[in-house]
């Protein structure tokens, strides 16, 4: 886990399961990266910590539910992102990987 960076995280998307030991928030981003929004949403909801709420906000923004996204941005104390959703995913992944 210590050697997990953004490129290795992206490369792991080719596998059937996320790398062992990821937080729920990183698992959510991983499933989203594979195109499974529902599984990503499940993982984001599993822990209502700031990281989970932040990924939850991103997921609702990505699905086009801006009011729900804004609710989750407020809950985690973050301003709504103005990045593209792809850039927001990358920013979130980098930040969460730094915490591993």
PDB file of N, CA and C in Angstrom:
ATOM      1  N   UNK A   1       0.815  -1.206   0.000  1.00  0.00           N
ATOM      2  CA  UNK A   1       0.000   0.000   0.000  1.00  0.00           C
ATOM      3  C   UNK A   1       0.854   1.263   0.000  1.00  0.00           C
ATOM      4  N   UNK A   2       2.000   1.240   0.643  1.00  0.00           N
ATOM      5  CA  UNK A   2       2.819   2.439   0.722  1.00  0.00           C
ATOM      6  C   UNK A   2       3.263   2.938  -0.642  1.00  0.00           C
ATOM      7  N   UNK A   3       3.376   2.035  -1.615  1.00  0.00           N
ATOM      8  CA  UNK A   3       3.857   2.409  -2.933  1.00  0.00           C
ATOM      9  C   UNK A   3       2.734   2.750  -3.902  1.00  0.00           C
ATOM     10  N   UNK A   4       1.513   2.820  -3.414  1.00  0.00           N
ATOM     11  CA  UNK A   4       0.376   3.078  -4.286  1.00  0.00           C
ATOM     12  C   UNK A   4       0.328   4.567  -4.642  1.00  0.00           C
ATOM     13  N   UNK A   5       0.516   4.857  -5.929  1.00  0.00           N
ATOM     14  CA  UNK A   5       0.389   6.229  -6.402  1.00  0.00           C
ATOM     15  C   UNK A   5      -0.737   6.277  -7.428  1.00  0.00           C
ATOM     16  N   UNK A   6      -0.967   7.435  -7.997  1.00  0.00           N
ATOM     17  CA  UNK A   6      -2.097   7.594  -8.910  1.00  0.00           C
ATOM     18  C   UNK A   6      -1.995   6.660 -10.108  1.00  0.00           C
ATOM     19  N   UNK A   7      -0.807   6.505 -10.683  1.00  0.00           N
ATOM     20  CA  UNK A   7      -0.676   5.643 -11.865  1.00  0.00           C
ATOM     21  C   UNK A   7      -0.929   4.180 -11.518  1.00  0.00           C
ATOM     22  N   UNK A   8      -0.411   3.727 -10.403  1.00  0.00           N
ATOM     23  CA  UNK A   8      -0.651   2.348  -9.978  1.00  0.00           C
ATOM     24  C   UNK A   8      -2.133   2.154  -9.663  1.00  0.00           C
ATOM     25  N   UNK A   9      -2.739   3.161  -9.040  1.00  0.00           N
ATOM     26  CA  UNK A   9      -4.172   3.115  -8.737  1.00  0.00           C
ATOM     27  C   UNK A   9      -4.976   3.002 -10.034  1.00  0.00           C
ATOM     28  N   UNK A  10      -4.637   3.828 -11.017  1.00  0.00           N
ATOM     29  CA  UNK A  10      -5.319   3.758 -12.327  1.00  0.00           C
ATOM     30  C   UNK A  10      -5.103   2.393 -12.988  1.00  0.00           C
ATOM     31  N   UNK A  11      -3.864   1.909 -12.958  1.00  0.00           N
ATOM     32  CA  UNK A  11      -3.559   0.619 -13.567  1.00  0.00           C
ATOM     33  C   UNK A  11      -4.348  -0.508 -12.916  1.00  0.00           C
ATOM     34  N   UNK A  12      -4.613  -0.377 -11.622  1.00  0.00           N
ATOM     35  CA  UNK A  12      -5.346  -1.427 -10.909  1.00  0.00           C
ATOM     36  C   UNK A  12      -6.800  -1.527 -11.374  1.00  0.00           C
ATOM     37  N   UNK A  13      -7.291  -0.531 -12.093  1.00  0.00           N
ATOM     38  CA  UNK A  13      -8.668  -0.571 -12.600  1.00  0.00           C
ATOM     39  C   UNK A  13      -8.877  -1.707 -13.598  1.00  0.00           C
ATOM     40  N   UNK A  14      -7.792  -2.242 -14.139  1.00  0.00           N
ATOM     41  CA  UNK A  14      -7.890  -3.371 -15.073  1.00  0.00           C
ATOM     42  C   UNK A  14      -8.179  -4.684 -14.345  1.00  0.00           C
ATOM     43  N   UNK A  15      -8.039  -4.681 -13.040  1.00  0.00           N
ATOM     44  CA  UNK A  15      -8.261  -5.886 -12.238  1.00  0.00           C
ATOM     45  C   UNK A  15      -9.726  -5.978 -11.825  1.00  0.00           C
ATOM     46  N   UNK A  16     -10.174  -7.171 -11.409  1.00  0.00           N
ATOM     47  CA  UNK A  16     -11.586  -7.331 -11.048  1.00  0.00           C
ATOM     48  C   UNK A  16     -11.961  -6.757  -9.679  1.00  0.00           C
ATOM     49  N   UNK A  17     -11.000  -6.568  -8.802  1.00  0.00           N
ATOM     50  CA  UNK A  17     -11.257  -6.046  -7.458  1.00  0.00           C
ATOM     51  C   UNK A  17     -10.234  -4.968  -7.127  1.00  0.00           C
ATOM     52  N   UNK A  18     -10.608  -4.027  -6.244  1.00  0.00           N
ATOM     53  CA  UNK A  18      -9.646  -2.986  -5.858  1.00  0.00           C
ATOM     54  C   UNK A  18      -8.493  -3.573  -5.042  1.00  0.00           C
ATOM     55  N   UNK A  19      -7.375  -2.865  -5.005  1.00  0.00           N
ATOM     56  CA  UNK A  19      -6.261  -3.325  -4.176  1.00  0.00           C
ATOM     57  C   UNK A  19      -6.695  -3.465  -2.713  1.00  0.00           C
ATOM     58  N   UNK A  20      -6.119  -4.408  -2.025  1.00  0.00           N
ATOM     59  CA  UNK A  20      -6.449  -4.631  -0.616  1.00  0.00           C
ATOM     60  C   UNK A  20      -6.045  -3.424   0.225  1.00  0.00           C
ATOM     61  N   UNK A  21      -6.827  -3.174   1.246  1.00  0.00           N
ATOM     62  CA  UNK A  21      -6.470  -2.155   2.221  1.00  0.00           C
ATOM     63  C   UNK A  21      -6.888  -0.733   1.895  1.00  0.00           C
ATOM     64  N   UNK A  22      -7.642  -0.536   0.818  1.00  0.00           N
ATOM     65  CA  UNK A  22      -8.087   0.821   0.481  1.00  0.00           C
ATOM     66  C   UNK A  22      -9.196   1.269   1.431  1.00  0.00           C
ATOM     67  N   UNK A  23      -9.220   2.546   1.726  1.00  0.00           N
ATOM     68  CA  UNK A  23     -10.325   3.117   2.500  1.00  0.00           C
ATOM     69  C   UNK A  23     -11.612   2.989   1.692  1.00  0.00           C
ATOM     70  N   UNK A  24     -12.741   3.162   2.364  1.00  0.00           N
ATOM     71  CA  UNK A  24     -14.027   3.112   1.655  1.00  0.00           C
ATOM     72  C   UNK A  24     -14.089   4.203   0.586  1.00  0.00           C
ATOM     73  N   UNK A  25     -13.542   5.379   0.888  1.00  0.00           N
ATOM     74  CA  UNK A  25     -13.564   6.481  -0.081  1.00  0.00           C
ATOM     75  C   UNK A  25     -12.742   6.126  -1.324  1.00  0.00           C
ATOM     76  N   UNK A  26     -11.569   5.538  -1.126  1.00  0.00           N
ATOM     77  CA  UNK A  26     -10.756   5.135  -2.284  1.00  0.00           C
ATOM     78  C   UNK A  26     -11.403   3.977  -3.033  1.00  0.00           C
ATOM     79  N   UNK A  27     -12.038   3.063  -2.310  1.00  0.00           N
ATOM     80  CA  UNK A  27     -12.761   2.000  -2.993  1.00  0.00           C
ATOM     81  C   UNK A  27     -13.872   2.599  -3.854  1.00  0.00           C
ATOM     82  N   UNK A  28     -14.553   3.606  -3.341  1.00  0.00           N
ATOM     83  CA  UNK A  28     -15.618   4.261  -4.106  1.00  0.00           C
ATOM     84  C   UNK A  28     -15.054   4.860  -5.391  1.00  0.00           C
ATOM     85  N   UNK A  29     -13.934   5.559  -5.290  1.00  0.00           N
ATOM     86  CA  UNK A  29     -13.319   6.135  -6.495  1.00  0.00           C
ATOM     87  C   UNK A  29     -12.874   5.041  -7.451  1.00  0.00           C
ATOM     88  N   UNK A  30     -12.363   3.932  -6.906  1.00  0.00           N
ATOM     89  CA  UNK A  30     -11.925   2.828  -7.739  1.00  0.00           C
ATOM     90  C   UNK A  30     -13.098   2.270  -8.535  1.00  0.00           C
ATOM     91  N   UNK A  31     -14.221   1.999  -7.849  1.00  0.00           N
ATOM     92  CA  UNK A  31     -15.394   1.465  -8.558  1.00  0.00           C
ATOM     93  C   UNK A  31     -15.933   2.470  -9.570  1.00  0.00           C
ATOM     94  N   UNK A  32     -15.893   3.746  -9.217  1.00  0.00           N
ATOM     95  CA  UNK A  32     -16.317   4.762 -10.183  1.00  0.00           C
ATOM     96  C   UNK A  32     -15.393   4.754 -11.399  1.00  0.00           C
ATOM     97  N   UNK A  33     -14.103   4.608 -11.162  1.00  0.00           N
ATOM     98  CA  UNK A  33     -13.141   4.544 -12.257  1.00  0.00           C
ATOM     99  C   UNK A  33     -13.397   3.370 -13.187  1.00  0.00           C
ATOM    100  N   UNK A  34     -14.003   2.314 -12.671  1.00  0.00           N
ATOM    101  CA  UNK A  34     -14.360   1.146 -13.478  1.00  0.00           C
ATOM    102  C   UNK A  34     -15.720   1.322 -14.150  1.00  0.00           C
ATOM    103  N   UNK A  35     -16.401   2.424 -13.840  1.00  0.00           N
ATOM    104  CA  UNK A  35     -17.699   2.671 -14.461  1.00  0.00           C
ATOM    105  C   UNK A  35     -18.878   2.105 -13.697  1.00  0.00           C
ATOM    106  N   UNK A  36     -18.673   1.692 -12.443  1.00  0.00           N
ATOM    107  CA  UNK A  36     -19.756   1.133 -11.629  1.00  0.00           C
ATOM    108  C   UNK A  36     -20.184   2.165 -10.589  1.00  0.00           C
ATOM    109  N   UNK A  37     -21.030   3.108 -11.020  1.00  0.00           N
ATOM    110  CA  UNK A  37     -21.464   4.196 -10.152  1.00  0.00           C
ATOM    111  C   UNK A  37     -22.197   3.658  -8.919  1.00  0.00           C
ATOM    112  N   UNK A  38     -23.047   2.661  -9.103  1.00  0.00           N
ATOM    113  CA  UNK A  38     -23.824   2.135  -7.978  1.00  0.00           C
ATOM    114  C   UNK A  38     -22.920   1.559  -6.890  1.00  0.00           C
ATOM    115  N   UNK A  39     -21.946   0.766  -7.275  1.00  0.00           N
ATOM    116  CA  UNK A  39     -21.030   0.191  -6.285  1.00  0.00           C
ATOM    117  C   UNK A  39     -20.194   1.304  -5.645  1.00  0.00           C
ATOM    118  N   UNK A  40     -19.797   2.286  -6.447  1.00  0.00           N
ATOM    119  CA  UNK A  40     -19.051   3.424  -5.913  1.00  0.00           C
ATOM    120  C   UNK A  40     -19.883   4.159  -4.872  1.00  0.00           C
ATOM    121  N   UNK A  41     -21.143   4.373  -5.172  1.00  0.00           N
ATOM    122  CA  UNK A  41     -22.044   5.076  -4.263  1.00  0.00           C
ATOM    123  C   UNK A  41     -22.217   4.291  -2.959  1.00  0.00           C
ATOM    124  N   UNK A  42     -22.360   2.975  -3.074  1.00  0.00           N
ATOM    125  CA  UNK A  42     -22.454   2.123  -1.874  1.00  0.00           C
ATOM    126  C   UNK A  42     -21.243   2.315  -0.979  1.00  0.00           C
ATOM    127  N   UNK A  43     -20.056   2.271  -1.568  1.00  0.00           N
ATOM    128  CA  UNK A  43     -18.825   2.399  -0.780  1.00  0.00           C
ATOM    129  C   UNK A  43     -18.713   3.786  -0.149  1.00  0.00           C
ATOM    130  N   UNK A  44     -19.081   4.810  -0.887  1.00  0.00           N
ATOM    131  CA  UNK A  44     -18.986   6.176  -0.356  1.00  0.00           C
ATOM    132  C   UNK A  44     -19.899   6.355   0.853  1.00  0.00           C
ATOM    133  N   UNK A  45     -21.009   5.656   0.866  1.00  0.00           N
ATOM    134  CA  UNK A  45     -21.972   5.791   1.965  1.00  0.00           C
ATOM    135  C   UNK A  45     -21.611   4.957   3.192  1.00  0.00           C
ATOM    136  N   UNK A  46     -20.663   4.045   3.055  1.00  0.00           N
ATOM    137  CA  UNK A  46     -20.366   3.126   4.151  1.00  0.00           C
ATOM    138  C   UNK A  46     -19.780   3.805   5.380  1.00  0.00           C
ATOM    139  N   UNK A  47     -19.059   4.897   5.203  1.00  0.00           N
ATOM    140  CA  UNK A  47     -18.533   5.661   6.336  1.00  0.00           C
ATOM    141  C   UNK A  47     -18.796   7.139   6.081  1.00  0.00           C
ATOM    142  N   UNK A  48     -19.498   7.759   6.995  1.00  0.00           N
ATOM    143  CA  UNK A  48     -19.771   9.186   6.826  1.00  0.00           C
ATOM    144  C   UNK A  48     -18.659  10.019   7.444  1.00  0.00           C
ATOM    145  N   UNK A  49     -17.418   9.728   7.030  1.00  0.00           N
ATOM    146  CA  UNK A  49     -16.305  10.582   7.405  1.00  0.00           C
ATOM    147  C   UNK A  49     -16.150  11.639   6.317  1.00  0.00           C
ATOM    148  N   UNK A  50     -15.248  12.582   6.516  1.00  0.00           N
ATOM    149  CA  UNK A  50     -15.138  13.678   5.545  1.00  0.00           C
ATOM    150  C   UNK A  50     -14.736  13.163   4.162  1.00  0.00           C
ATOM    151  N   UNK A  51     -13.863  12.152   4.102  1.00  0.00           N
ATOM    152  CA  UNK A  51     -13.449  11.623   2.796  1.00  0.00           C
ATOM    153  C   UNK A  51     -14.626  10.965   2.085  1.00  0.00           C
ATOM    154  N   UNK A  52     -15.386  10.172   2.814  1.00  0.00           N
ATOM    155  CA  UNK A  52     -16.555   9.522   2.222  1.00  0.00           C
ATOM    156  C   UNK A  52     -17.586  10.524   1.742  1.00  0.00           C
ATOM    157  N   UNK A  53     -17.826  11.560   2.555  1.00  0.00           N
ATOM    158  CA  UNK A  53     -18.794  12.585   2.156  1.00  0.00           C
ATOM    159  C   UNK A  53     -18.301  13.359   0.938  1.00  0.00           C
ATOM    160  N   UNK A  54     -16.996  13.583   0.867  1.00  0.00           N
ATOM    161  CA  UNK A  54     -16.426  14.316  -0.272  1.00  0.00           C
ATOM    162  C   UNK A  54     -16.576  13.514  -1.560  1.00  0.00           C
ATOM    163  N   UNK A  55     -16.304  12.207  -1.487  1.00  0.00           N
ATOM    164  CA  UNK A  55     -16.483  11.353  -2.665  1.00  0.00           C
ATOM    165  C   UNK A  55     -17.961  11.236  -3.002  1.00  0.00           C
ATOM    166  N   UNK A  56     -18.799  11.190  -1.987  1.00  0.00           N
ATOM    167  CA  UNK A  56     -20.244  11.142  -2.193  1.00  0.00           C
ATOM    168  C   UNK A  56     -20.704  12.383  -2.976  1.00  0.00           C
ATOM    169  N   UNK A  57     -20.180  13.546  -2.602  1.00  0.00           N
ATOM    170  CA  UNK A  57     -20.506  14.782  -3.324  1.00  0.00           C
ATOM    171  C   UNK A  57     -20.101  14.676  -4.787  1.00  0.00           C
ATOM    172  N   UNK A  58     -18.877  14.227  -5.015  1.00  0.00           N
ATOM    173  CA  UNK A  58     -18.375  14.062  -6.385  1.00  0.00           C
ATOM    174  C   UNK A  58     -19.288  13.138  -7.189  1.00  0.00           C
ATOM    175  N   UNK A  59     -19.680  12.010  -6.594  1.00  0.00           N
ATOM    176  CA  UNK A  59     -20.502  11.037  -7.319  1.00  0.00           C
ATOM    177  C   UNK A  59     -21.845  11.634  -7.735  1.00  0.00           C
ATOM    178  N   UNK A  60     -22.473  12.399  -6.834  1.00  0.00           N
ATOM    179  CA  UNK A  60     -23.755  13.013  -7.192  1.00  0.00           C
ATOM    180  C   UNK A  60     -23.560  14.115  -8.231  1.00  0.00           C
ATOM    181  N   UNK A  61     -22.458  14.823  -8.155  1.00  0.00           N
ATOM    182  CA  UNK A  61     -22.164  15.821  -9.194  1.00  0.00           C
ATOM    183  C   UNK A  61     -21.996  15.124 -10.540  1.00  0.00           C
ATOM    184  N   UNK A  62     -21.283  14.016 -10.539  1.00  0.00           N
ATOM    185  CA  UNK A  62     -21.043  13.284 -11.780  1.00  0.00           C
ATOM    186  C   UNK A  62     -22.340  12.787 -12.390  1.00  0.00           C
ATOM    187  N   UNK A  63     -23.276  12.334 -11.552  1.00  0.00           N
ATOM    188  CA  UNK A  63     -24.543  11.815 -12.083  1.00  0.00           C
ATOM    189  C   UNK A  63     -25.485  12.946 -12.509  1.00  0.00           C
ATOM    190  N   UNK A  64     -25.120  14.197 -12.215  1.00  0.00           N
ATOM    191  CA  UNK A  64     -25.937  15.331 -12.629  1.00  0.00           C
ATOM    192  C   UNK A  64     -26.924  15.802 -11.580  1.00  0.00           C
ATOM    193  N   UNK A  65     -26.827  15.277 -10.366  1.00  0.00           N
ATOM    194  CA  UNK A  65     -27.718  15.667  -9.267  1.00  0.00           C
ATOM    195  C   UNK A  65     -27.030  16.758  -8.446  1.00  0.00           C
ATOM    196  N   UNK A  66     -27.036  17.973  -8.987  1.00  0.00           N
ATOM    197  CA  UNK A  66     -26.279  19.074  -8.399  1.00  0.00           C
ATOM    198  C   UNK A  66     -26.738  19.436  -6.995  1.00  0.00           C
ATOM    199  N   UNK A  67     -28.048  19.419  -6.740  1.00  0.00           N
ATOM    200  CA  UNK A  67     -28.512  19.804  -5.400  1.00  0.00           C
ATOM    201  C   UNK A  67     -28.054  18.784  -4.358  1.00  0.00           C
ATOM    202  N   UNK A  68     -28.100  17.513  -4.687  1.00  0.00           N
ATOM    203  CA  UNK A  68     -27.619  16.484  -3.775  1.00  0.00           C
ATOM    204  C   UNK A  68     -26.113  16.608  -3.594  1.00  0.00           C
ATOM    205  N   UNK A  69     -25.401  16.877  -4.675  1.00  0.00           N
ATOM    206  CA  UNK A  69     -23.949  17.072  -4.590  1.00  0.00           C
ATOM    207  C   UNK A  69     -23.629  18.238  -3.658  1.00  0.00           C
ATOM    208  N   UNK A  70     -24.334  19.341  -3.823  1.00  0.00           N
ATOM    209  CA  UNK A  70     -24.078  20.518  -2.984  1.00  0.00           C
ATOM    210  C   UNK A  70     -24.330  20.210  -1.510  1.00  0.00           C
ATOM    211  N   UNK A  71     -25.351  19.402  -1.225  1.00  0.00           N
ATOM    212  CA  UNK A  71     -25.619  18.983   0.145  1.00  0.00           C
ATOM    213  C   UNK A  71     -24.398  18.270   0.725  1.00  0.00           C
ATOM    214  N   UNK A  72     -23.826  17.332  -0.043  1.00  0.00           N
ATOM    215  CA  UNK A  72     -22.679  16.572   0.451  1.00  0.00           C
ATOM    216  C   UNK A  72     -21.406  17.425   0.517  1.00  0.00           C
ATOM    217  N   UNK A  73     -21.232  18.355  -0.400  1.00  0.00           N
ATOM    218  CA  UNK A  73     -20.097  19.284  -0.296  1.00  0.00           C
ATOM    219  C   UNK A  73     -20.219  20.081   1.011  1.00  0.00           C
ATOM    220  N   UNK A  74     -21.430  20.562   1.308  1.00  0.00           N
ATOM    221  CA  UNK A  74     -21.642  21.312   2.562  1.00  0.00           C
ATOM    222  C   UNK A  74     -21.345  20.437   3.770  1.00  0.00           C
ATOM    223  N   UNK A  75     -21.814  19.197   3.769  1.00  0.00           N
ATOM    224  CA  UNK A  75     -21.607  18.292   4.900  1.00  0.00           C
ATOM    225  C   UNK A  75     -20.134  18.071   5.198  1.00  0.00           C
ATOM    226  N   UNK A  76     -19.309  18.041   4.145  1.00  0.00           N
ATOM    227  CA  UNK A  76     -17.879  17.803   4.395  1.00  0.00           C
ATOM    228  C   UNK A  76     -17.091  19.108   4.473  1.00  0.00           C
ATOM    229  N   UNK A  77     -17.791  20.245   4.385  1.00  0.00           N
ATOM    230  CA  UNK A  77     -17.142  21.539   4.550  1.00  0.00           C
ATOM    231  C   UNK A  77     -16.267  21.958   3.389  1.00  0.00           C
ATOM    232  N   UNK A  78     -16.628  21.524   2.192  1.00  0.00           N
ATOM    233  CA  UNK A  78     -15.850  21.835   0.989  1.00  0.00           C
ATOM    234  C   UNK A  78     -16.714  22.591  -0.016  1.00  0.00           C
ATOM    235  N   UNK A  79     -16.133  23.562  -0.664  1.00  0.00           N
ATOM    236  CA  UNK A  79     -16.852  24.263  -1.727  1.00  0.00           C
ATOM    237  C   UNK A  79     -17.048  23.313  -2.907  1.00  0.00           C
ATOM    238  N   UNK A  80     -18.173  23.406  -3.603  1.00  0.00           N
ATOM    239  CA  UNK A  80     -18.375  22.566  -4.788  1.00  0.00           C
ATOM    240  C   UNK A  80     -17.233  22.748  -5.789  1.00  0.00           C
ATOM    241  N   UNK A  81     -16.827  21.651  -6.369  1.00  0.00           N
ATOM    242  CA  UNK A  81     -15.722  21.676  -7.322  1.00  0.00           C
ATOM    243  C   UNK A  81     -16.133  22.381  -8.608  1.00  0.00           C
ATOM    244  N   UNK A  82     -15.192  23.091  -9.190  1.00  0.00           N
ATOM    245  CA  UNK A  82     -15.403  23.718 -10.497  1.00  0.00           C
ATOM    246  C   UNK A  82     -14.581  23.004 -11.570  1.00  0.00           C
ATOM    247  N   UNK A  83     -13.886  21.939 -11.178  1.00  0.00           N
ATOM    248  CA  UNK A  83     -13.101  21.142 -12.129  1.00  0.00           C
ATOM    249  C   UNK A  83     -14.031  20.282 -12.974  1.00  0.00           C
ATOM    250  N   UNK A  84     -13.520  19.745 -14.063  1.00  0.00           N
ATOM    251  CA  UNK A  84     -14.274  18.720 -14.780  1.00  0.00           C
ATOM    252  C   UNK A  84     -14.378  17.527 -13.840  1.00  0.00           C
ATOM    253  N   UNK A  85     -15.352  16.648 -14.067  1.00  0.00           N
ATOM    254  CA  UNK A  85     -15.473  15.491 -13.177  1.00  0.00           C
ATOM    255  C   UNK A  85     -14.233  14.599 -13.274  1.00  0.00           C
ATOM    256  N   UNK A  86     -13.621  14.501 -14.447  1.00  0.00           N
ATOM    257  CA  UNK A  86     -12.400  13.703 -14.570  1.00  0.00           C
ATOM    258  C   UNK A  86     -11.268  14.282 -13.723  1.00  0.00           C
ATOM    259  N   UNK A  87     -11.131  15.595 -13.748  1.00  0.00           N
ATOM    260  CA  UNK A  87     -10.089  16.252 -12.951  1.00  0.00           C
ATOM    261  C   UNK A  87     -10.408  16.160 -11.459  1.00  0.00           C
ATOM    262  N   UNK A  88     -11.691  16.252 -11.123  1.00  0.00           N
ATOM    263  CA  UNK A  88     -12.067  16.124  -9.717  1.00  0.00           C
ATOM    264  C   UNK A  88     -11.745  14.715  -9.213  1.00  0.00           C
ATOM    265  N   UNK A  89     -12.023  13.688 -10.027  1.00  0.00           N
ATOM    266  CA  UNK A  89     -11.691  12.311  -9.651  1.00  0.00           C
ATOM    267  C   UNK A  89     -10.193  12.200  -9.378  1.00  0.00           C
ATOM    268  N   UNK A  90      -9.410  12.764 -10.285  1.00  0.00           N
ATOM    269  CA  UNK A  90      -7.952  12.709 -10.139  1.00  0.00           C
ATOM    270  C   UNK A  90      -7.500  13.439  -8.882  1.00  0.00           C
ATOM    271  N   UNK A  91      -8.044  14.615  -8.635  1.00  0.00           N
ATOM    272  CA  UNK A  91      -7.683  15.398  -7.450  1.00  0.00           C
ATOM    273  C   UNK A  91      -8.018  14.623  -6.170  1.00  0.00           C
ATOM    274  N   UNK A  92      -9.213  14.023  -6.140  1.00  0.00           N
ATOM    275  CA  UNK A  92      -9.622  13.245  -4.983  1.00  0.00           C
ATOM    276  C   UNK A  92      -8.713  12.034  -4.785  1.00  0.00           C
ATOM    277  N   UNK A  93      -8.450  11.322  -5.869  1.00  0.00           N
ATOM    278  CA  UNK A  93      -7.603  10.134  -5.769  1.00  0.00           C
ATOM    279  C   UNK A  93      -6.217  10.509  -5.249  1.00  0.00           C
ATOM    280  N   UNK A  94      -5.636  11.561  -5.783  1.00  0.00           N
ATOM    281  CA  UNK A  94      -4.307  11.994  -5.318  1.00  0.00           C
ATOM    282  C   UNK A  94      -4.324  12.323  -3.830  1.00  0.00           C
ATOM    283  N   UNK A  95      -5.313  13.095  -3.414  1.00  0.00           N
ATOM    284  CA  UNK A  95      -5.399  13.508  -2.011  1.00  0.00           C
ATOM    285  C   UNK A  95      -5.585  12.306  -1.083  1.00  0.00           C
ATOM    286  N   UNK A  96      -6.464  11.391  -1.464  1.00  0.00           N
ATOM    287  CA  UNK A  96      -6.720  10.224  -0.611  1.00  0.00           C
ATOM    288  C   UNK A  96      -5.534   9.256  -0.611  1.00  0.00           C
ATOM    289  N   UNK A  97      -4.848   9.128  -1.736  1.00  0.00           N
ATOM    290  CA  UNK A  97      -3.677   8.256  -1.799  1.00  0.00           C
ATOM    291  C   UNK A  97      -2.540   8.795  -0.932  1.00  0.00           C
ATOM    292  N   UNK A  98      -2.454  10.111  -0.810  1.00  0.00           N
ATOM    293  CA  UNK A  98      -1.431  10.714   0.043  1.00  0.00           C
ATOM    294  C   UNK A  98      -1.662  10.372   1.513  1.00  0.00           C
ATOM    295  N   UNK A  99      -2.908  10.060   1.873  1.00  0.00           N
ATOM    296  CA  UNK A  99      -3.252   9.738   3.256  1.00  0.00           C
ATOM    297  C   UNK A  99      -3.020   8.269   3.590  1.00  0.00           C
ATOM    298  N   UNK A 100      -2.727   7.462   2.561  1.00  0.00           N
ATOM    299  CA  UNK A 100      -2.559   6.012   2.780  1.00  0.00           C
ATOM    300  C   UNK A 100      -1.247   5.744   3.488  1.00  0.00           C
TER     301      UNK A 100
END
